[in-house]
Amino acid sequence: MILTQVTPGDLKTLQLLASETFADTYAALNTPENMERYLEEKFNDGQLHRELTDPNSFFYFVSEGDEILGYLKLNTGASQTEPQDPRAVELERIYIRKEHQGRQLGVVLFEKAVEVARELNAPYLWLGVWEENPKAYRFYQRMGLVPFDSHVFKLGDDEQTDILMKMEL
């Protein structure tokens, strides 16, 4: 497995991977209209370019040979999706292509998130996980995160509840 930092030159690859993995994870649990709206809003060229060029956001691909298997997105400072400690690191996204799930790639990406957070001297790593995604919730529990709050995540016109979890570093 190889981890590489994503650059603005990888925009199209990231866009395809992000749309594919998000849809694979959530399409069956949401309306087609809400999925289409979310994918269009969050993974369009302009939005992803802003995120890729944001000095407070970091993306990493995990790959094997020439194949990209998944990705990670981290946010710091004002780029966190919700105000937390400005020194904290938010793990906004870990997504693995469905055919590669179960290969411990999520662990590889999570360990990279912890490594980056420690390098930045963050007091903690945090994330939001949808309450209807028990597989992800259990994964983050195994990784050592604990719930501390919740917030609303809007997918299209559907307001969903995310459980906020964190790990002291």
N, C-alpha and C. Protein backbone atom coordinates (compact mmCIF):
# COMPACT_ATOMS: atom_id res chain seq x y z
N MET A 1 0.84 -1.18 0.00
CA MET A 1 0.00 0.00 0.00
C MET A 1 0.88 1.25 0.00
N ILE A 2 0.50 2.20 -0.77
CA ILE A 2 1.23 3.46 -0.84
C ILE A 2 0.26 4.59 -0.51
N LEU A 3 0.69 5.50 0.35
CA LEU A 3 -0.07 6.72 0.65
C LEU A 3 0.60 7.89 -0.04
N THR A 4 -0.19 8.68 -0.77
CA THR A 4 0.34 9.87 -1.43
C THR A 4 -0.59 11.04 -1.16
N GLN A 5 0.00 12.22 -1.00
CA GLN A 5 -0.82 13.40 -0.81
C GLN A 5 -1.44 13.79 -2.15
N VAL A 6 -2.71 14.12 -2.12
CA VAL A 6 -3.44 14.51 -3.31
C VAL A 6 -3.12 15.97 -3.63
N THR A 7 -2.93 16.27 -4.90
CA THR A 7 -2.63 17.64 -5.34
C THR A 7 -3.75 18.15 -6.25
N PRO A 8 -3.78 19.46 -6.52
CA PRO A 8 -4.80 19.97 -7.44
C PRO A 8 -4.77 19.28 -8.80
N GLY A 9 -3.64 18.76 -9.23
CA GLY A 9 -3.57 18.03 -10.49
C GLY A 9 -4.33 16.71 -10.46
N ASP A 10 -4.69 16.25 -9.27
CA ASP A 10 -5.45 15.01 -9.10
C ASP A 10 -6.95 15.26 -8.99
N LEU A 11 -7.38 16.47 -9.30
CA LEU A 11 -8.78 16.85 -9.08
C LEU A 11 -9.77 15.88 -9.72
N LYS A 12 -9.60 15.55 -10.96
CA LYS A 12 -10.57 14.67 -11.65
C LYS A 12 -10.58 13.26 -11.04
N THR A 13 -9.41 12.76 -10.70
CA THR A 13 -9.33 11.44 -10.07
C THR A 13 -10.05 11.47 -8.72
N LEU A 14 -9.78 12.50 -7.93
CA LEU A 14 -10.45 12.63 -6.63
C LEU A 14 -11.96 12.78 -6.81
N GLN A 15 -12.36 13.57 -7.77
CA GLN A 15 -13.78 13.79 -8.01
C GLN A 15 -14.51 12.48 -8.32
N LEU A 16 -13.94 11.68 -9.18
CA LEU A 16 -14.55 10.39 -9.52
C LEU A 16 -14.58 9.45 -8.32
N LEU A 17 -13.47 9.37 -7.60
CA LEU A 17 -13.38 8.50 -6.43
C LEU A 17 -14.34 8.95 -5.33
N ALA A 18 -14.38 10.25 -5.06
CA ALA A 18 -15.25 10.77 -4.00
C ALA A 18 -16.71 10.52 -4.33
N SER A 19 -17.11 10.80 -5.55
CA SER A 19 -18.51 10.59 -5.95
C SER A 19 -18.87 9.11 -5.90
N GLU A 20 -17.99 8.27 -6.42
CA GLU A 20 -18.25 6.82 -6.44
C GLU A 20 -18.40 6.25 -5.03
N THR A 21 -17.44 6.57 -4.16
CA THR A 21 -17.45 5.96 -2.82
C THR A 21 -18.57 6.52 -1.95
N PHE A 22 -18.88 7.80 -2.09
CA PHE A 22 -19.98 8.37 -1.31
C PHE A 22 -21.30 7.75 -1.75
N ALA A 23 -21.51 7.66 -3.05
CA ALA A 23 -22.75 7.07 -3.56
C ALA A 23 -22.86 5.60 -3.17
N ASP A 24 -21.77 4.85 -3.27
CA ASP A 24 -21.80 3.44 -2.87
C ASP A 24 -22.17 3.29 -1.40
N THR A 25 -21.72 4.21 -0.57
CA THR A 25 -21.96 4.13 0.87
C THR A 25 -23.37 4.54 1.25
N TYR A 26 -23.93 5.57 0.59
CA TYR A 26 -25.16 6.17 1.09
C TYR A 26 -26.36 6.16 0.14
N ALA A 27 -26.19 5.81 -1.11
CA ALA A 27 -27.30 5.90 -2.07
C ALA A 27 -28.51 5.07 -1.66
N ALA A 28 -28.29 3.87 -1.15
CA ALA A 28 -29.41 2.99 -0.79
C ALA A 28 -30.23 3.53 0.38
N LEU A 29 -29.66 4.46 1.15
CA LEU A 29 -30.33 4.98 2.34
C LEU A 29 -30.87 6.39 2.15
N ASN A 30 -30.77 6.91 0.94
CA ASN A 30 -31.21 8.28 0.67
C ASN A 30 -31.94 8.34 -0.67
N THR A 31 -32.70 9.41 -0.89
CA THR A 31 -33.40 9.54 -2.15
C THR A 31 -32.42 9.87 -3.27
N PRO A 32 -32.73 9.45 -4.49
CA PRO A 32 -31.85 9.79 -5.62
C PRO A 32 -31.68 11.31 -5.77
N GLU A 33 -32.74 12.07 -5.51
CA GLU A 33 -32.66 13.53 -5.64
C GLU A 33 -31.68 14.12 -4.63
N ASN A 34 -31.74 13.65 -3.37
CA ASN A 34 -30.83 14.17 -2.36
C ASN A 34 -29.39 13.76 -2.64
N MET A 35 -29.20 12.54 -3.13
CA MET A 35 -27.84 12.10 -3.47
C MET A 35 -27.28 12.95 -4.61
N GLU A 36 -28.07 13.13 -5.66
CA GLU A 36 -27.60 13.91 -6.80
C GLU A 36 -27.25 15.34 -6.38
N ARG A 37 -28.10 15.93 -5.58
CA ARG A 37 -27.86 17.31 -5.12
C ARG A 37 -26.58 17.39 -4.29
N TYR A 38 -26.40 16.44 -3.36
CA TYR A 38 -25.21 16.45 -2.52
C TYR A 38 -23.95 16.26 -3.35
N LEU A 39 -23.96 15.27 -4.23
CA LEU A 39 -22.77 15.00 -5.05
C LEU A 39 -22.42 16.21 -5.91
N GLU A 40 -23.44 16.86 -6.45
CA GLU A 40 -23.21 18.04 -7.29
C GLU A 40 -22.64 19.20 -6.46
N GLU A 41 -23.16 19.40 -5.25
CA GLU A 41 -22.69 20.50 -4.40
C GLU A 41 -21.29 20.27 -3.85
N LYS A 42 -21.01 19.06 -3.41
CA LYS A 42 -19.77 18.79 -2.68
C LYS A 42 -18.61 18.33 -3.54
N PHE A 43 -18.88 17.76 -4.70
CA PHE A 43 -17.81 17.18 -5.49
C PHE A 43 -17.68 17.79 -6.87
N ASN A 44 -18.18 19.03 -7.06
CA ASN A 44 -18.00 19.71 -8.33
C ASN A 44 -16.56 20.25 -8.42
N ASP A 45 -16.15 20.61 -9.63
CA ASP A 45 -14.77 21.06 -9.85
C ASP A 45 -14.39 22.22 -8.94
N GLY A 46 -15.22 23.24 -8.86
CA GLY A 46 -14.90 24.42 -8.07
C GLY A 46 -14.75 24.11 -6.59
N GLN A 47 -15.68 23.35 -6.05
CA GLN A 47 -15.63 23.02 -4.62
C GLN A 47 -14.39 22.19 -4.31
N LEU A 48 -14.15 21.15 -5.08
CA LEU A 48 -12.98 20.31 -4.81
C LEU A 48 -11.67 21.07 -5.02
N HIS A 49 -11.63 21.94 -6.00
CA HIS A 49 -10.41 22.74 -6.20
C HIS A 49 -10.15 23.64 -4.99
N ARG A 50 -11.21 24.27 -4.47
CA ARG A 50 -11.05 25.10 -3.26
C ARG A 50 -10.52 24.26 -2.10
N GLU A 51 -11.05 23.06 -1.93
CA GLU A 51 -10.60 22.20 -0.84
C GLU A 51 -9.15 21.74 -1.05
N LEU A 52 -8.81 21.39 -2.28
CA LEU A 52 -7.45 20.92 -2.57
C LEU A 52 -6.40 22.02 -2.42
N THR A 53 -6.79 23.27 -2.59
CA THR A 53 -5.83 24.37 -2.48
C THR A 53 -5.92 25.07 -1.13
N ASP A 54 -6.77 24.60 -0.25
CA ASP A 54 -6.91 25.16 1.10
C ASP A 54 -5.71 24.69 1.93
N PRO A 55 -4.91 25.61 2.46
CA PRO A 55 -3.73 25.19 3.24
C PRO A 55 -4.09 24.49 4.55
N ASN A 56 -5.36 24.53 4.95
CA ASN A 56 -5.79 23.86 6.18
C ASN A 56 -6.50 22.53 5.92
N SER A 57 -6.46 22.05 4.68
CA SER A 57 -7.06 20.75 4.35
C SER A 57 -6.01 19.88 3.68
N PHE A 58 -6.08 18.58 3.99
CA PHE A 58 -5.10 17.62 3.49
C PHE A 58 -5.83 16.39 2.97
N PHE A 59 -5.50 15.96 1.77
CA PHE A 59 -6.08 14.77 1.17
C PHE A 59 -4.95 13.77 0.92
N TYR A 60 -5.26 12.49 1.10
CA TYR A 60 -4.32 11.41 0.81
C TYR A 60 -5.03 10.29 0.08
N PHE A 61 -4.39 9.76 -0.95
CA PHE A 61 -4.86 8.56 -1.62
C PHE A 61 -4.13 7.36 -1.01
N VAL A 62 -4.82 6.23 -0.94
CA VAL A 62 -4.17 4.96 -0.67
C VAL A 62 -4.28 4.17 -1.97
N SER A 63 -3.15 3.64 -2.43
CA SER A 63 -3.16 2.93 -3.70
C SER A 63 -2.30 1.68 -3.63
N GLU A 64 -2.50 0.87 -4.63
CA GLU A 64 -1.74 -0.37 -4.79
C GLU A 64 -1.42 -0.45 -6.28
N GLY A 65 -0.16 -0.42 -6.60
CA GLY A 65 0.21 -0.34 -8.01
C GLY A 65 -0.32 0.96 -8.58
N ASP A 66 -1.02 0.88 -9.70
CA ASP A 66 -1.59 2.08 -10.33
C ASP A 66 -3.03 2.34 -9.90
N GLU A 67 -3.56 1.49 -9.05
CA GLU A 67 -4.97 1.60 -8.68
C GLU A 67 -5.16 2.35 -7.36
N ILE A 68 -5.98 3.38 -7.41
CA ILE A 68 -6.32 4.13 -6.20
C ILE A 68 -7.50 3.43 -5.54
N LEU A 69 -7.32 3.08 -4.27
CA LEU A 69 -8.29 2.25 -3.55
C LEU A 69 -9.20 3.05 -2.63
N GLY A 70 -8.75 4.22 -2.21
CA GLY A 70 -9.53 5.03 -1.28
C GLY A 70 -8.83 6.34 -0.99
N TYR A 71 -9.44 7.12 -0.10
CA TYR A 71 -8.84 8.41 0.23
C TYR A 71 -9.24 8.88 1.61
N LEU A 72 -8.50 9.87 2.08
CA LEU A 72 -8.66 10.49 3.38
C LEU A 72 -8.67 12.00 3.20
N LYS A 73 -9.51 12.69 3.98
CA LYS A 73 -9.48 14.15 4.00
C LYS A 73 -9.45 14.62 5.45
N LEU A 74 -8.51 15.52 5.74
CA LEU A 74 -8.36 16.11 7.07
C LEU A 74 -8.51 17.62 6.97
N ASN A 75 -9.04 18.23 8.03
CA ASN A 75 -9.17 19.69 8.10
C ASN A 75 -8.61 20.19 9.43
N THR A 76 -8.01 21.37 9.36
CA THR A 76 -7.50 22.03 10.56
C THR A 76 -8.04 23.46 10.60
N GLY A 77 -7.82 24.10 11.73
CA GLY A 77 -8.16 25.51 11.88
C GLY A 77 -9.57 25.84 11.43
N ALA A 78 -9.69 26.94 10.69
CA ALA A 78 -11.00 27.42 10.24
C ALA A 78 -11.62 26.54 9.16
N SER A 79 -10.89 25.60 8.63
CA SER A 79 -11.42 24.72 7.58
C SER A 79 -12.22 23.54 8.14
N GLN A 80 -12.24 23.37 9.46
CA GLN A 80 -13.05 22.32 10.05
C GLN A 80 -14.52 22.61 9.72
N THR A 81 -15.29 21.56 9.50
CA THR A 81 -16.69 21.74 9.10
C THR A 81 -17.57 22.28 10.21
N GLU A 82 -17.07 22.23 11.41
CA GLU A 82 -17.80 22.76 12.56
C GLU A 82 -16.76 23.33 13.52
N PRO A 83 -17.05 24.49 14.11
CA PRO A 83 -16.07 25.07 15.03
C PRO A 83 -15.74 24.12 16.18
N GLN A 84 -14.50 23.80 16.31
CA GLN A 84 -13.97 23.02 17.42
C GLN A 84 -12.76 23.80 17.92
N ASP A 85 -11.94 23.19 18.68
CA ASP A 85 -10.68 23.78 19.08
C ASP A 85 -9.90 24.06 17.79
N PRO A 86 -9.45 25.30 17.56
CA PRO A 86 -8.74 25.59 16.30
C PRO A 86 -7.46 24.76 16.12
N ARG A 87 -6.97 24.20 17.22
CA ARG A 87 -5.76 23.36 17.13
C ARG A 87 -6.10 21.90 16.80
N ALA A 88 -7.38 21.53 16.90
CA ALA A 88 -7.80 20.15 16.66
C ALA A 88 -7.71 19.83 15.17
N VAL A 89 -7.76 18.54 14.86
CA VAL A 89 -7.79 18.07 13.47
C VAL A 89 -9.08 17.29 13.28
N GLU A 90 -9.80 17.66 12.22
CA GLU A 90 -11.02 16.95 11.85
C GLU A 90 -10.71 15.92 10.77
N LEU A 91 -11.15 14.71 11.00
CA LEU A 91 -11.10 13.67 9.99
C LEU A 91 -12.46 13.76 9.29
N GLU A 92 -12.50 14.43 8.15
CA GLU A 92 -13.79 14.64 7.47
C GLU A 92 -14.21 13.43 6.64
N ARG A 93 -13.25 12.77 6.00
CA ARG A 93 -13.63 11.67 5.12
C ARG A 93 -12.58 10.56 5.12
N ILE A 94 -13.05 9.34 5.25
CA ILE A 94 -12.29 8.13 4.89
C ILE A 94 -13.25 7.32 4.05
N TYR A 95 -12.88 7.09 2.81
CA TYR A 95 -13.70 6.27 1.93
C TYR A 95 -12.81 5.29 1.18
N ILE A 96 -13.28 4.05 1.12
CA ILE A 96 -12.59 2.97 0.42
C ILE A 96 -13.53 2.42 -0.64
N ARG A 97 -13.02 2.17 -1.82
CA ARG A 97 -13.85 1.54 -2.86
C ARG A 97 -14.40 0.22 -2.32
N LYS A 98 -15.67 -0.05 -2.62
CA LYS A 98 -16.35 -1.19 -2.00
C LYS A 98 -15.65 -2.52 -2.26
N GLU A 99 -15.06 -2.68 -3.42
CA GLU A 99 -14.40 -3.95 -3.72
C GLU A 99 -13.10 -4.14 -2.94
N HIS A 100 -12.64 -3.09 -2.24
CA HIS A 100 -11.41 -3.18 -1.46
C HIS A 100 -11.66 -3.06 0.05
N GLN A 101 -12.92 -2.98 0.44
CA GLN A 101 -13.23 -2.92 1.87
C GLN A 101 -12.90 -4.27 2.51
N GLY A 102 -12.57 -4.23 3.77
CA GLY A 102 -12.20 -5.44 4.49
C GLY A 102 -10.71 -5.78 4.39
N ARG A 103 -9.93 -4.90 3.78
CA ARG A 103 -8.49 -5.13 3.60
C ARG A 103 -7.65 -4.28 4.56
N GLN A 104 -8.29 -3.70 5.56
CA GLN A 104 -7.60 -2.87 6.56
C GLN A 104 -7.10 -1.54 6.00
N LEU A 105 -7.64 -1.12 4.85
CA LEU A 105 -7.23 0.16 4.26
C LEU A 105 -7.72 1.34 5.10
N GLY A 106 -8.89 1.18 5.72
CA GLY A 106 -9.39 2.21 6.61
C GLY A 106 -8.44 2.42 7.78
N VAL A 107 -7.87 1.34 8.28
CA VAL A 107 -6.89 1.44 9.37
C VAL A 107 -5.66 2.20 8.90
N VAL A 108 -5.18 1.90 7.69
CA VAL A 108 -4.02 2.59 7.14
C VAL A 108 -4.29 4.09 7.05
N LEU A 109 -5.46 4.46 6.53
CA LEU A 109 -5.79 5.88 6.40
C LEU A 109 -6.01 6.52 7.77
N PHE A 110 -6.65 5.79 8.68
CA PHE A 110 -6.86 6.35 10.02
C PHE A 110 -5.51 6.59 10.71
N GLU A 111 -4.59 5.66 10.58
CA GLU A 111 -3.27 5.84 11.19
C GLU A 111 -2.55 7.05 10.59
N LYS A 112 -2.77 7.30 9.30
CA LYS A 112 -2.19 8.51 8.68
C LYS A 112 -2.81 9.75 9.29
N ALA A 113 -4.12 9.72 9.54
CA ALA A 113 -4.79 10.87 10.16
C ALA A 113 -4.20 11.15 11.54
N VAL A 114 -3.99 10.11 12.33
CA VAL A 114 -3.40 10.28 13.67
C VAL A 114 -1.98 10.82 13.54
N GLU A 115 -1.21 10.30 12.61
CA GLU A 115 0.16 10.77 12.40
C GLU A 115 0.19 12.27 12.08
N VAL A 116 -0.67 12.70 11.14
CA VAL A 116 -0.71 14.11 10.76
C VAL A 116 -1.14 14.96 11.95
N ALA A 117 -2.17 14.52 12.68
CA ALA A 117 -2.65 15.27 13.84
C ALA A 117 -1.55 15.43 14.89
N ARG A 118 -0.80 14.37 15.11
CA ARG A 118 0.30 14.45 16.09
C ARG A 118 1.41 15.38 15.60
N GLU A 119 1.72 15.32 14.30
CA GLU A 119 2.74 16.22 13.74
C GLU A 119 2.33 17.68 13.91
N LEU A 120 1.02 17.94 13.88
CA LEU A 120 0.50 19.30 14.05
C LEU A 120 0.29 19.65 15.52
N ASN A 121 0.66 18.75 16.41
CA ASN A 121 0.48 18.95 17.86
C ASN A 121 -0.96 19.22 18.23
N ALA A 122 -1.88 18.55 17.55
CA ALA A 122 -3.32 18.71 17.84
C ALA A 122 -3.64 18.06 19.18
N PRO A 123 -4.51 18.67 19.96
CA PRO A 123 -4.90 18.05 21.23
C PRO A 123 -5.80 16.83 21.02
N TYR A 124 -6.54 16.84 19.90
CA TYR A 124 -7.39 15.70 19.60
C TYR A 124 -7.76 15.66 18.12
N LEU A 125 -8.19 14.47 17.70
CA LEU A 125 -8.71 14.21 16.36
C LEU A 125 -10.21 13.98 16.53
N TRP A 126 -11.02 14.57 15.66
CA TRP A 126 -12.47 14.40 15.79
C TRP A 126 -13.10 14.16 14.43
N LEU A 127 -14.33 13.67 14.46
CA LEU A 127 -15.09 13.43 13.23
C LEU A 127 -16.57 13.34 13.56
N GLY A 128 -17.37 13.38 12.50
CA GLY A 128 -18.79 13.12 12.60
C GLY A 128 -19.12 11.88 11.80
N VAL A 129 -19.93 10.98 12.38
CA VAL A 129 -20.33 9.76 11.69
C VAL A 129 -21.85 9.64 11.77
N TRP A 130 -22.48 9.37 10.65
CA TRP A 130 -23.94 9.29 10.58
C TRP A 130 -24.44 8.19 11.50
N GLU A 131 -25.47 8.51 12.26
CA GLU A 131 -26.02 7.54 13.20
C GLU A 131 -26.59 6.31 12.49
N GLU A 132 -26.86 6.40 11.20
CA GLU A 132 -27.37 5.27 10.42
C GLU A 132 -26.25 4.48 9.74
N ASN A 133 -25.01 4.72 10.16
CA ASN A 133 -23.86 4.01 9.59
C ASN A 133 -23.14 3.26 10.72
N PRO A 134 -23.76 2.18 11.24
CA PRO A 134 -23.17 1.48 12.38
C PRO A 134 -21.81 0.85 12.07
N LYS A 135 -21.58 0.46 10.83
CA LYS A 135 -20.28 -0.12 10.46
C LYS A 135 -19.16 0.89 10.70
N ALA A 136 -19.36 2.13 10.24
CA ALA A 136 -18.34 3.16 10.43
C ALA A 136 -18.21 3.52 11.91
N TYR A 137 -19.33 3.60 12.60
CA TYR A 137 -19.31 3.94 14.04
C TYR A 137 -18.47 2.90 14.80
N ARG A 138 -18.71 1.62 14.53
CA ARG A 138 -17.95 0.56 15.21
C ARG A 138 -16.47 0.63 14.84
N PHE A 139 -16.16 0.94 13.58
CA PHE A 139 -14.76 1.09 13.17
C PHE A 139 -14.08 2.17 13.99
N TYR A 140 -14.72 3.33 14.10
CA TYR A 140 -14.09 4.43 14.83
C TYR A 140 -13.99 4.12 16.33
N GLN A 141 -14.94 3.40 16.87
CA GLN A 141 -14.82 2.96 18.26
C GLN A 141 -13.59 2.06 18.42
N ARG A 142 -13.41 1.12 17.51
CA ARG A 142 -12.24 0.22 17.57
C ARG A 142 -10.94 1.01 17.47
N MET A 143 -10.97 2.11 16.74
CA MET A 143 -9.78 2.93 16.58
C MET A 143 -9.52 3.81 17.81
N GLY A 144 -10.46 3.83 18.75
CA GLY A 144 -10.24 4.56 20.01
C GLY A 144 -11.00 5.86 20.16
N LEU A 145 -11.88 6.18 19.22
CA LEU A 145 -12.66 7.40 19.35
C LEU A 145 -13.87 7.16 20.25
N VAL A 146 -14.28 8.21 20.95
CA VAL A 146 -15.45 8.14 21.82
C VAL A 146 -16.42 9.25 21.45
N PRO A 147 -17.73 8.98 21.57
CA PRO A 147 -18.72 10.02 21.25
C PRO A 147 -18.66 11.15 22.27
N PHE A 148 -18.89 12.40 21.78
CA PHE A 148 -18.92 13.52 22.70
C PHE A 148 -20.05 14.51 22.41
N ASP A 149 -20.72 14.37 21.27
CA ASP A 149 -21.80 15.30 20.94
C ASP A 149 -22.46 14.79 19.65
N SER A 150 -23.33 15.61 19.08
CA SER A 150 -23.93 15.31 17.78
C SER A 150 -24.17 16.62 17.05
N HIS A 151 -24.39 16.51 15.76
CA HIS A 151 -24.76 17.69 14.97
C HIS A 151 -25.60 17.25 13.78
N VAL A 152 -26.18 18.24 13.12
CA VAL A 152 -27.01 17.98 11.95
C VAL A 152 -26.12 18.02 10.71
N PHE A 153 -26.27 17.01 9.88
CA PHE A 153 -25.60 16.92 8.58
C PHE A 153 -26.70 16.98 7.54
N LYS A 154 -26.59 17.92 6.63
CA LYS A 154 -27.63 18.09 5.62
C LYS A 154 -27.22 17.41 4.32
N LEU A 155 -28.03 16.44 3.89
CA LEU A 155 -27.81 15.77 2.62
C LEU A 155 -29.01 16.11 1.76
N GLY A 156 -28.79 17.01 0.81
CA GLY A 156 -29.92 17.53 0.03
C GLY A 156 -30.84 18.29 0.98
N ASP A 157 -32.12 17.88 1.01
CA ASP A 157 -33.05 18.55 1.93
C ASP A 157 -33.30 17.71 3.19
N ASP A 158 -32.53 16.65 3.38
CA ASP A 158 -32.70 15.75 4.52
C ASP A 158 -31.70 16.12 5.63
N GLU A 159 -32.24 16.45 6.79
CA GLU A 159 -31.38 16.73 7.94
C GLU A 159 -31.15 15.43 8.70
N GLN A 160 -29.88 15.02 8.76
CA GLN A 160 -29.50 13.77 9.39
C GLN A 160 -28.65 14.07 10.62
N THR A 161 -28.59 13.12 11.54
CA THR A 161 -27.81 13.31 12.75
C THR A 161 -26.49 12.56 12.66
N ASP A 162 -25.42 13.31 12.85
CA ASP A 162 -24.09 12.72 12.96
C ASP A 162 -23.70 12.67 14.43
N ILE A 163 -23.09 11.59 14.82
CA ILE A 163 -22.51 11.47 16.15
C ILE A 163 -21.08 11.99 16.05
N LEU A 164 -20.74 12.96 16.89
CA LEU A 164 -19.38 13.48 16.92
C LEU A 164 -18.55 12.62 17.84
N MET A 165 -17.37 12.23 17.36
CA MET A 165 -16.47 11.37 18.11
C MET A 165 -15.08 11.99 18.13
N LYS A 166 -14.32 11.71 19.18
CA LYS A 166 -12.97 12.24 19.21
C LYS A 166 -12.02 11.30 19.92
N MET A 167 -10.73 11.55 19.65
CA MET A 167 -9.64 10.81 20.26
C MET A 167 -8.64 11.83 20.78
N GLU A 168 -8.40 11.80 22.07
CA GLU A 168 -7.36 12.66 22.65
C GLU A 168 -6.02 12.15 22.18
N LEU A 169 -5.12 13.07 21.87
CA LEU A 169 -3.80 12.66 21.34
C LEU A 169 -2.69 12.90 22.35
